[in-house]
Amino acid sequence: MRRLDIGTGTLGRPAEQKKGSVLPMLVIFGGVGVILLSITFYLHSARQAFIGSSLSAEGLVVGFEERAGSRTSSGKSLNAYAPIVTFTSKSGAEVTFTEATAGSGSGIKKGDTVEVFYDEENPQDAKIATFFYLWAAPIVIGAIGSAFSLVGVILLIVFIRER
């Protein structure tokens, strides 16, 4: 039988035990949040620098590379697909690359013409110039990092109020 401890506001747990349990969660959530937001800042900065220094070309989607994804509860595989694009660089070389970002609903189909940003010195370093392919990774990582940071801030407030 549990007793209600009016002095601590918990069900059968002493106040000292409650205080100690917030700190590890604060460190974990806050730390993961800061790391993910740092990665987001790095990805955003690197992507901005890449866009600013890259050349642009018209590319043709020639196929897709299937990448393993997650499975549903019924066991169905949810694979992602990365477009394979061919374009001609400024120097006249034909370049084929596989987009680093894979997805299942980007709307790009085989035979589509897409704008490509690429590094003049290393044309294999290329990205499809759409919002999804340029910014999906920083946005997703930033959203997860923000959620972890928010939980960390809430835990920090709880920790400070308990002191």
Protein backbone atom coordinates (compact mmCIF):
# COMPACT_ATOMS: atom_id res chain seq x y z
CA MET A 1 0.00 0.00 0.00
CA ARG A 2 1.42 3.41 -1.00
CA ARG A 3 1.12 6.37 1.26
CA LEU A 4 0.72 9.95 0.15
CA ASP A 5 3.55 12.05 1.55
CA ILE A 6 2.17 15.59 1.69
CA GLY A 7 5.60 17.04 2.59
CA THR A 8 7.28 15.96 -0.65
CA GLY A 9 4.42 15.92 -3.10
CA THR A 10 5.34 12.39 -4.20
CA LEU A 11 3.78 9.02 -3.63
CA GLY A 12 5.98 7.24 -1.14
CA ARG A 13 9.32 8.70 -2.37
CA PRO A 14 11.44 10.87 -0.11
CA ALA A 15 12.33 14.36 -1.35
CA GLU A 16 16.07 13.53 -1.41
CA GLN A 17 15.52 10.69 -3.89
CA LYS A 18 13.42 12.93 -6.15
CA LYS A 19 16.06 15.71 -6.27
CA GLY A 20 18.84 13.33 -7.22
CA SER A 21 16.87 11.79 -10.07
CA VAL A 22 16.39 15.09 -11.95
CA LEU A 23 20.09 15.90 -12.30
CA PRO A 24 21.10 12.91 -14.49
CA MET A 25 18.14 13.52 -16.81
CA LEU A 26 19.02 17.22 -16.94
CA VAL A 27 22.59 16.40 -17.96
CA ILE A 28 21.51 13.84 -20.56
CA PHE A 29 18.73 15.86 -22.20
CA GLY A 30 20.59 19.15 -21.99
CA GLY A 31 23.84 17.61 -23.25
CA VAL A 32 22.22 15.80 -26.17
CA GLY A 33 20.29 18.96 -27.05
CA VAL A 34 23.44 21.10 -27.09
CA ILE A 35 25.32 18.51 -29.18
CA LEU A 36 22.50 18.23 -31.73
CA LEU A 37 22.10 22.00 -31.98
CA SER A 38 25.87 22.31 -32.48
CA ILE A 39 25.68 19.75 -35.31
CA THR A 40 22.78 21.73 -36.79
CA PHE A 41 24.80 24.94 -36.70
CA TYR A 42 27.75 23.18 -38.36
CA LEU A 43 25.56 21.62 -41.09
CA HIS A 44 23.85 24.95 -41.78
CA SER A 45 27.17 26.81 -41.98
CA ALA A 46 28.75 24.15 -44.19
CA ARG A 47 25.72 24.07 -46.49
CA GLN A 48 25.70 27.88 -46.79
CA ALA A 49 29.42 27.87 -47.64
CA PHE A 50 28.88 25.10 -50.20
CA ILE A 51 26.02 26.96 -51.89
CA GLY A 52 28.04 30.19 -51.93
CA SER A 53 31.08 28.61 -53.59
CA SER A 54 29.42 26.06 -55.87
CA LEU A 55 28.53 26.15 -59.52
CA SER A 56 25.11 25.32 -60.89
CA ALA A 57 24.17 22.89 -63.65
CA GLU A 58 21.10 21.17 -65.01
CA GLY A 59 21.01 17.48 -64.12
CA LEU A 60 18.94 14.48 -65.14
CA VAL A 61 17.62 11.94 -62.63
CA VAL A 62 18.68 8.59 -64.12
CA GLY A 63 17.66 6.28 -61.30
CA PHE A 64 17.50 5.70 -57.56
CA GLU A 65 19.64 3.91 -55.02
CA GLU A 66 17.56 2.00 -52.48
CA ARG A 67 18.64 2.41 -48.87
CA ALA A 68 17.46 0.30 -45.98
CA GLY A 69 14.94 2.01 -43.79
CA SER A 70 12.86 1.08 -40.78
CA ARG A 71 10.18 -1.59 -40.52
CA THR A 72 6.54 -1.19 -39.61
CA SER A 73 4.97 -3.19 -36.77
CA SER A 74 3.65 -5.62 -39.41
CA GLY A 75 7.20 -6.18 -40.71
CA LYS A 76 6.85 -4.17 -43.92
CA SER A 77 10.09 -2.44 -44.93
CA LEU A 78 10.04 1.34 -45.33
CA ASN A 79 13.01 1.96 -47.57
CA ALA A 80 14.32 5.34 -48.64
CA TYR A 81 15.57 6.19 -52.11
CA ALA A 82 18.46 8.46 -53.09
CA PRO A 83 18.33 9.95 -56.59
CA ILE A 84 21.17 9.20 -59.00
CA VAL A 85 21.81 12.30 -61.13
CA THR A 86 23.92 12.93 -64.22
CA PHE A 87 25.05 16.42 -65.25
CA THR A 88 27.72 18.07 -67.37
CA SER A 89 30.23 20.19 -65.45
CA LYS A 90 31.58 23.55 -66.62
CA SER A 91 34.71 21.77 -67.92
CA GLY A 92 32.52 19.51 -70.10
CA ALA A 93 32.95 16.33 -68.05
CA GLU A 94 29.87 14.15 -67.57
CA VAL A 95 29.40 13.54 -63.86
CA THR A 96 27.11 11.03 -62.17
CA PHE A 97 26.49 11.22 -58.43
CA THR A 98 24.13 9.73 -55.89
CA GLU A 99 22.44 12.28 -53.65
CA ALA A 100 23.51 11.87 -50.02
CA THR A 101 19.99 12.53 -48.70
CA ALA A 102 17.51 9.73 -49.28
CA GLY A 103 13.77 9.98 -48.88
CA SER A 104 10.52 8.37 -49.90
CA GLY A 105 8.40 11.37 -50.77
CA SER A 106 10.59 14.02 -52.37
CA GLY A 107 8.47 14.14 -55.53
CA ILE A 108 11.44 13.60 -57.86
CA LYS A 109 11.01 10.89 -60.50
CA LYS A 110 13.33 9.15 -62.95
CA GLY A 111 13.67 11.35 -66.03
CA ASP A 112 13.12 14.62 -64.13
CA THR A 113 15.43 17.55 -64.78
CA VAL A 114 16.84 19.08 -61.59
CA GLU A 115 19.18 21.94 -60.74
CA VAL A 116 22.44 20.75 -59.22
CA PHE A 117 25.00 22.62 -57.11
CA TYR A 118 28.51 21.20 -57.37
CA ASP A 119 32.08 21.95 -56.37
CA GLU A 120 34.10 23.00 -59.45
CA GLU A 121 37.26 21.27 -58.20
CA ASN A 122 35.40 18.10 -57.18
CA PRO A 123 32.21 17.77 -59.27
CA GLN A 124 31.29 14.51 -57.46
CA ASP A 125 30.62 16.74 -54.44
CA ALA A 126 27.16 17.73 -55.65
CA LYS A 127 23.67 18.27 -54.23
CA ILE A 128 20.27 18.55 -55.83
CA ALA A 129 19.28 22.20 -55.40
CA THR A 130 15.86 21.78 -53.79
CA PHE A 131 14.78 22.75 -50.30
CA PHE A 132 14.39 19.11 -49.24
CA TYR A 133 17.82 17.94 -50.39
CA LEU A 134 19.64 21.02 -49.13
CA TRP A 135 17.97 21.55 -45.78
CA ALA A 136 16.20 18.35 -44.60
CA ALA A 137 19.09 17.09 -42.45
CA PRO A 138 19.77 20.40 -40.64
CA ILE A 139 16.04 20.95 -40.02
CA VAL A 140 15.38 17.44 -38.66
CA ILE A 141 18.50 17.44 -36.45
CA GLY A 142 17.71 20.99 -35.30
CA ALA A 143 14.12 20.05 -34.39
CA ILE A 144 15.26 17.03 -32.38
CA GLY A 145 18.00 19.12 -30.73
CA SER A 146 15.48 21.83 -29.86
CA ALA A 147 13.13 19.28 -28.28
CA PHE A 148 15.95 17.79 -26.19
CA SER A 149 17.11 21.29 -25.20
CA LEU A 150 13.59 22.29 -24.20
CA VAL A 151 13.28 19.23 -21.97
CA GLY A 152 16.72 20.09 -20.55
CA VAL A 153 15.58 23.65 -19.74
CA ILE A 154 12.40 22.38 -18.09
CA LEU A 155 14.47 19.94 -16.01
CA LEU A 156 16.86 22.76 -15.11
CA ILE A 157 13.93 24.83 -13.83
CA VAL A 158 12.67 21.85 -11.81
CA PHE A 159 16.18 21.28 -10.44
CA ILE A 160 16.60 24.94 -9.42
CA ARG A 161 13.16 25.04 -7.76
CA GLU A 162 13.97 21.90 -5.75
CA ARG A 163 17.16 23.39 -4.29
